[in-house]
Amino acid sequence: MTNTIKCPHCGFVTEYGRTVCIGCQAEIVYGPTSAQAGTYGCVGLCVGAGIVWLLVSGLGAAMSSDSSVGIYYLFAGILLVGITGGIGRIMAKNKYREQITFFRRYRF
């Protein structure tokens, strides 16, 4: 990896690790953007919800016979959905760890 990066907006060469371009004040983001991480997290949540739905539909008879068991399934389902959402965000971080993105607002 180089120690300098070039801004695609103004062409200014700046040090790797800076968070703002000195030439045009563009924000520099290393790794996934919040939109990319959010997308992967949302996919993880959907996968977790699908797994919970499959488990609950397969174990529906057991839940209907004892209401206290249903509470445990509810908590386990919430936990599973949260874990899969976190795994999705971690996957985004690993996929986009080398990415450098410049964000600049153009004001007229």
Protein backbone atom coordinates (compact mmCIF):
# COMPACT_ATOMS: atom_id res chain seq x y z
CA MET A 1 0.00 0.00 0.00
CA THR A 2 1.32 3.47 -0.85
CA ASN A 3 1.78 6.26 1.63
CA THR A 4 -0.01 8.79 -0.57
CA ILE A 5 -3.41 8.94 -2.25
CA LYS A 6 -4.66 11.17 -5.05
CA CYS A 7 -8.01 12.94 -4.84
CA PRO A 8 -10.20 12.21 -7.88
CA HIS A 9 -11.92 15.60 -7.52
CA CYS A 10 -9.00 18.03 -7.45
CA GLY A 11 -5.97 15.84 -8.15
CA PHE A 12 -4.22 16.83 -4.93
CA VAL A 13 -1.88 14.17 -3.54
CA THR A 14 -2.26 13.74 0.21
CA GLU A 15 -0.98 11.40 2.89
CA TYR A 16 -2.67 8.05 3.45
CA GLY A 17 -4.68 8.18 6.67
CA ARG A 18 -6.05 11.70 6.37
CA THR A 19 -9.80 12.08 6.69
CA VAL A 20 -10.14 15.27 4.60
CA CYS A 21 -8.48 16.25 1.30
CA ILE A 22 -6.41 19.39 1.79
CA GLY A 23 -7.03 20.55 -1.80
CA CYS A 24 -10.85 20.46 -2.01
CA GLN A 25 -12.06 19.49 1.51
CA ALA A 26 -13.55 16.20 0.28
CA GLU A 27 -14.23 13.69 3.05
CA ILE A 28 -12.05 10.56 2.78
CA VAL A 29 -13.56 7.26 3.97
CA TYR A 30 -11.41 4.16 4.36
CA GLY A 31 -13.19 0.82 4.15
CA PRO A 32 -16.91 0.40 3.54
CA THR A 33 -19.17 3.41 3.37
CA SER A 34 -22.10 3.50 5.77
CA ALA A 35 -24.44 2.59 2.88
CA GLN A 36 -22.42 -0.51 1.99
CA ALA A 37 -22.19 -1.66 5.61
CA GLY A 38 -25.91 -1.01 6.06
CA THR A 39 -26.79 -3.03 2.99
CA TYR A 40 -24.79 -6.02 4.16
CA GLY A 41 -26.25 -5.67 7.65
CA CYS A 42 -29.78 -5.59 6.23
CA VAL A 43 -29.12 -8.72 4.19
CA GLY A 44 -27.82 -10.39 7.35
CA LEU A 45 -30.98 -9.38 9.22
CA CYS A 46 -33.17 -10.82 6.46
CA VAL A 47 -31.21 -14.10 6.47
CA GLY A 48 -31.57 -14.30 10.25
CA ALA A 49 -35.29 -13.58 10.05
CA GLY A 50 -35.67 -16.32 7.45
CA ILE A 51 -33.85 -18.81 9.65
CA VAL A 52 -36.02 -17.88 12.62
CA TRP A 53 -39.18 -18.22 10.52
CA LEU A 54 -38.10 -21.69 9.36
CA LEU A 55 -37.33 -22.77 12.92
CA VAL A 56 -40.56 -21.39 14.36
CA SER A 57 -42.73 -22.85 11.61
CA GLY A 58 -41.09 -26.25 12.11
CA LEU A 59 -41.45 -26.08 15.87
CA GLY A 60 -44.93 -24.54 15.94
CA ALA A 61 -46.50 -27.56 17.63
CA ALA A 62 -44.06 -27.40 20.51
CA MET A 63 -44.70 -23.70 21.01
CA SER A 64 -48.48 -24.07 21.09
CA SER A 65 -48.41 -26.74 23.81
CA ASP A 66 -46.36 -24.73 26.30
CA SER A 67 -46.54 -20.92 26.27
CA SER A 68 -43.35 -20.46 28.32
CA VAL A 69 -41.34 -22.21 25.60
CA GLY A 70 -42.55 -19.59 23.10
CA ILE A 71 -40.88 -16.83 25.13
CA TYR A 72 -37.54 -18.62 24.87
CA TYR A 73 -37.97 -19.01 21.11
CA LEU A 74 -38.77 -15.31 20.85
CA PHE A 75 -35.60 -14.29 22.70
CA ALA A 76 -33.50 -16.78 20.74
CA GLY A 77 -34.96 -15.44 17.48
CA ILE A 78 -34.19 -11.82 18.38
CA LEU A 79 -30.66 -12.83 19.34
CA LEU A 80 -30.16 -14.77 16.10
CA VAL A 81 -31.39 -11.89 13.94
CA GLY A 82 -29.03 -9.48 15.72
CA ILE A 83 -26.08 -11.83 15.33
CA THR A 84 -26.68 -12.36 11.61
CA GLY A 85 -27.01 -8.59 11.10
CA GLY A 86 -23.67 -8.09 12.82
CA ILE A 87 -22.10 -10.81 10.71
CA GLY A 88 -23.35 -9.00 7.59
CA ARG A 89 -21.63 -5.78 8.68
CA ILE A 90 -18.41 -7.67 9.42
CA MET A 91 -18.56 -9.22 5.95
CA ALA A 92 -18.85 -5.72 4.42
CA LYS A 93 -15.86 -4.57 6.44
CA ASN A 94 -13.77 -7.47 5.17
CA LYS A 95 -14.87 -7.08 1.55
CA TYR A 96 -14.27 -3.32 1.33
CA ARG A 97 -11.29 -2.95 3.69
CA GLU A 98 -8.96 -1.74 0.88
CA GLN A 99 -11.50 0.74 -0.54
CA ILE A 100 -10.89 4.48 -0.33
CA THR A 101 -13.86 6.75 -1.14
CA PHE A 102 -13.85 10.53 -1.53
CA PHE A 103 -17.09 12.43 -0.81
CA ARG A 104 -17.35 16.03 -1.90
CA ARG A 105 -20.31 18.37 -1.83
CA TYR A 106 -20.46 20.72 -4.76
CA ARG A 107 -21.92 24.10 -3.87
CA PHE A 108 -22.94 26.49 -6.62
